[in-house]
Amino acid sequence: MAADSLVVHRVKECCVRLHSCVQKWQQLSSRGLDVASKLVQTVMQNKYMESESSFGVLQGDSTLPSVLEGKLMVERERLYSQLVDVKDKMLVVVQEMGRLTGSVSGAVELLLCQGQDPSLPLFNTLPASVYSEYFTDLFQAYSQDTCAKESVVGDITRQGDKDILTVYLMCWLHQPYVTTQCTDKLEALLLDSGLRT
């Protein structure tokens, strides 16, 4: 196998792994949304219980629902721990995307150093430089969205405002940095490399 064939094969492998990373990231994001929704509900219940307890103390009612508050706190900690775990796994996936991006950029540079015309298609229609560009764009988008989720995780249990918590959930759900252009770019890579028909 010629050196450039090995490099092209490596790019194709990276496309397969990138697709796998995106699927894993999306699964983790869905799992995170489910956990975050339950966590927000628990946080809001806890805030409600705290206000009810304060009202009970003011009224002289000594029968505070401390057992229920304790259970809510335990549940909140359990859910928060799960959300941190999901976020950590998402970071690992993004790190893998970064390694793949570096690998593809290196492969493209090698092809260009071997004298391949940069306008020639790597597989079917897309030139080698587009592979490097699309990998970089996808890595940046998923990296930025993971950072946004990391911010949500860092602040979600400290918030008591229902509107802010709703914004956090919407941010997690709608993935503002992972646009339809990202999906289109991944699809273009898969189609061009023959991994999707």
Protein backbone atom coordinates (compact mmCIF):
# COMPACT_ATOMS: atom_id res chain seq x y z
CA MET A 1 0.00 0.00 0.00
CA ALA A 2 1.43 3.41 -0.95
CA ALA A 3 2.02 5.99 1.74
CA ASP A 4 -0.77 8.20 0.49
CA SER A 5 -3.15 5.20 0.47
CA LEU A 6 -2.30 4.59 4.11
CA VAL A 7 -2.98 8.24 4.90
CA VAL A 8 -6.31 8.18 3.06
CA HIS A 9 -7.24 4.99 4.91
CA ARG A 10 -6.38 6.73 8.20
CA VAL A 11 -8.68 9.66 7.32
CA LYS A 12 -11.50 7.21 6.60
CA GLU A 13 -10.95 5.53 9.99
CA CYS A 14 -11.08 8.94 11.64
CA CYS A 15 -14.43 9.63 9.93
CA VAL A 16 -15.82 6.38 11.38
CA ARG A 17 -14.57 7.27 14.85
CA LEU A 18 -15.86 10.85 14.59
CA HIS A 19 -19.31 9.57 13.71
CA SER A 20 -19.14 7.21 16.69
CA CYS A 21 -18.10 10.10 18.96
CA VAL A 22 -20.99 12.26 17.76
CA GLN A 23 -23.47 9.45 18.40
CA LYS A 24 -22.04 8.82 21.87
CA TRP A 25 -22.09 12.56 22.66
CA GLN A 26 -25.75 12.82 21.57
CA GLN A 27 -26.69 9.83 23.75
CA LEU A 28 -24.92 11.39 26.71
CA SER A 29 -26.60 14.73 26.02
CA SER A 30 -30.03 13.06 26.04
CA ARG A 31 -29.19 11.26 29.27
CA GLY A 32 -27.94 14.53 30.75
CA LEU A 33 -31.16 16.32 29.82
CA ASP A 34 -33.20 13.63 31.56
CA VAL A 35 -31.06 13.86 34.71
CA ALA A 36 -30.98 17.68 34.62
CA SER A 37 -34.79 17.83 34.32
CA LYS A 38 -35.19 15.59 37.37
CA LEU A 39 -32.57 17.61 39.22
CA VAL A 40 -34.35 20.90 38.47
CA GLN A 41 -37.59 19.41 39.70
CA THR A 42 -35.88 18.29 42.92
CA VAL A 43 -34.24 21.70 43.40
CA MET A 44 -37.62 23.41 42.98
CA GLN A 45 -39.28 20.99 45.43
CA ASN A 46 -36.49 21.64 47.89
CA LYS A 47 -36.95 25.43 47.57
CA TYR A 48 -40.67 25.00 48.10
CA MET A 49 -40.08 22.85 51.20
CA GLU A 50 -37.65 25.44 52.58
CA SER A 51 -40.21 28.22 52.13
CA GLU A 52 -42.93 26.06 53.70
CA SER A 53 -40.63 25.30 56.64
CA SER A 54 -39.88 28.98 57.13
CA PHE A 55 -43.59 29.74 57.03
CA GLY A 56 -44.23 26.93 59.55
CA VAL A 57 -41.63 28.34 61.93
CA LEU A 58 -43.20 31.79 61.67
CA GLN A 59 -46.61 30.27 62.44
CA GLY A 60 -45.19 28.39 65.44
CA ASP A 61 -45.70 25.00 63.80
CA SER A 62 -42.99 22.68 65.11
CA THR A 63 -43.90 19.76 62.85
CA LEU A 64 -41.44 20.55 60.10
CA PRO A 65 -41.26 18.10 57.23
CA SER A 66 -37.54 17.51 57.90
CA VAL A 67 -37.68 13.86 56.83
CA LEU A 68 -38.98 14.84 53.40
CA GLU A 69 -36.41 17.62 53.14
CA GLY A 70 -33.68 15.12 53.98
CA LYS A 71 -34.88 12.75 51.25
CA LEU A 72 -34.98 15.59 48.75
CA MET A 73 -31.42 16.57 49.63
CA VAL A 74 -30.21 12.99 49.19
CA GLU A 75 -32.03 12.73 45.85
CA ARG A 76 -30.62 16.09 44.74
CA GLU A 77 -27.07 14.98 45.54
CA ARG A 78 -27.60 11.67 43.73
CA LEU A 79 -28.91 13.40 40.61
CA TYR A 80 -26.20 16.03 40.71
CA SER A 81 -23.57 13.30 40.91
CA GLN A 82 -25.13 11.60 37.87
CA LEU A 83 -25.12 14.89 35.94
CA VAL A 84 -21.45 15.48 36.77
CA ASP A 85 -20.70 11.95 35.55
CA VAL A 86 -22.52 12.60 32.25
CA LYS A 87 -20.67 15.89 31.80
CA ASP A 88 -17.31 14.20 32.49
CA LYS A 89 -18.07 11.52 29.91
CA MET A 90 -19.01 14.20 27.39
CA LEU A 91 -15.65 15.89 28.00
CA VAL A 92 -13.86 12.59 27.30
CA VAL A 93 -15.76 12.26 24.00
CA VAL A 94 -14.83 15.82 23.02
CA GLN A 95 -11.18 15.12 23.85
CA GLU A 96 -11.34 12.13 21.50
CA MET A 97 -12.80 14.42 18.81
CA GLY A 98 -9.84 16.72 19.37
CA ARG A 99 -7.37 13.87 18.88
CA LEU A 100 -9.17 12.81 15.69
CA THR A 101 -9.07 16.40 14.42
CA GLY A 102 -5.33 16.56 15.03
CA SER A 103 -4.86 13.24 13.29
CA VAL A 104 -6.83 14.31 10.20
CA SER A 105 -5.04 17.68 10.06
CA GLY A 106 -1.71 15.85 10.21
CA ALA A 107 -2.80 13.40 7.51
CA VAL A 108 -3.89 16.23 5.22
CA GLU A 109 -0.60 18.06 5.80
CA LEU A 110 1.29 14.87 4.93
CA LEU A 111 -0.65 14.46 1.70
CA LEU A 112 0.06 18.06 0.74
CA CYS A 113 3.75 17.62 1.59
CA GLN A 114 3.79 14.56 -0.70
CA GLY A 115 2.71 16.88 -3.48
CA GLN A 116 -0.99 16.10 -3.74
CA ASP A 117 -2.92 18.91 -5.39
CA PRO A 118 -5.05 20.50 -2.61
CA SER A 119 -7.98 20.89 -4.99
CA LEU A 120 -8.13 17.15 -5.81
CA PRO A 121 -10.81 15.12 -4.03
CA LEU A 122 -9.63 12.93 -1.19
CA PHE A 123 -12.32 10.31 -1.89
CA ASN A 124 -15.12 11.41 -4.22
CA THR A 125 -15.71 15.16 -4.38
CA LEU A 126 -14.37 16.87 -1.24
CA PRO A 127 -10.74 18.06 -1.29
CA ALA A 128 -8.45 17.00 1.56
CA SER A 129 -8.45 20.50 3.08
CA VAL A 130 -12.24 20.30 3.55
CA TYR A 131 -11.79 17.21 5.72
CA SER A 132 -9.43 19.09 7.99
CA GLU A 133 -11.75 22.11 8.05
CA TYR A 134 -14.91 20.08 8.81
CA PHE A 135 -13.23 18.05 11.55
CA THR A 136 -12.04 21.30 13.14
CA ASP A 137 -15.49 22.89 12.87
CA LEU A 138 -17.20 19.86 14.42
CA PHE A 139 -14.66 19.63 17.23
CA GLN A 140 -15.08 23.33 18.04
CA ALA A 141 -18.88 23.15 18.00
CA TYR A 142 -19.09 20.11 20.29
CA SER A 143 -16.38 21.54 22.51
CA GLN A 144 -18.25 24.87 22.92
CA ASP A 145 -21.53 23.10 23.61
CA THR A 146 -19.88 20.88 26.19
CA CYS A 147 -18.45 23.99 27.88
CA ALA A 148 -21.96 25.47 28.01
CA LYS A 149 -23.24 22.26 29.60
CA GLU A 150 -20.34 22.36 32.04
CA SER A 151 -21.45 25.86 33.11
CA VAL A 152 -25.00 24.59 33.60
CA VAL A 153 -23.76 21.72 35.76
CA GLY A 154 -21.63 24.11 37.80
CA ASP A 155 -24.55 26.39 38.65
CA ILE A 156 -27.73 24.31 38.49
CA THR A 157 -27.97 23.37 42.17
CA ARG A 158 -27.18 26.90 43.34
CA GLN A 159 -30.10 28.42 41.47
CA GLY A 160 -33.52 28.86 42.97
CA ASP A 161 -35.07 30.92 40.21
CA LYS A 162 -37.39 28.79 38.10
CA ASP A 163 -36.88 30.95 35.00
CA ILE A 164 -33.09 30.59 35.13
CA LEU A 165 -33.40 26.84 35.66
CA THR A 166 -35.72 26.66 32.65
CA VAL A 167 -33.14 28.57 30.56
CA TYR A 168 -30.50 26.04 31.65
CA LEU A 169 -32.69 23.15 30.52
CA MET A 170 -33.43 24.87 27.21
CA CYS A 171 -29.72 25.49 26.65
CA TRP A 172 -29.02 21.81 27.29
CA LEU A 173 -31.87 20.69 25.03
CA HIS A 174 -31.27 22.98 22.06
CA GLN A 175 -27.46 22.70 21.95
CA PRO A 176 -26.86 26.22 20.61
CA TYR A 177 -23.39 25.48 19.22
CA VAL A 178 -24.24 22.18 17.53
CA THR A 179 -26.15 23.55 14.57
CA THR A 180 -27.69 21.86 11.55
CA GLN A 181 -24.53 22.91 9.69
CA CYS A 182 -22.61 20.53 11.96
CA THR A 183 -24.94 17.69 11.05
CA ASP A 184 -24.59 18.59 7.36
CA LYS A 185 -20.79 18.65 7.59
CA LEU A 186 -20.65 15.26 9.29
CA GLU A 187 -23.06 13.85 6.72
CA ALA A 188 -20.92 15.27 3.88
CA LEU A 189 -17.81 13.59 5.32
CA LEU A 190 -19.60 10.26 5.66
CA LEU A 191 -21.08 10.41 2.17
CA ASP A 192 -17.87 11.51 0.49
CA SER A 193 -15.74 8.85 2.20
CA GLY A 194 -18.22 6.13 1.22
CA LEU A 195 -19.32 5.39 4.77
CA ARG A 196 -22.87 6.44 4.03
CA THR A 197 -24.77 5.71 0.82
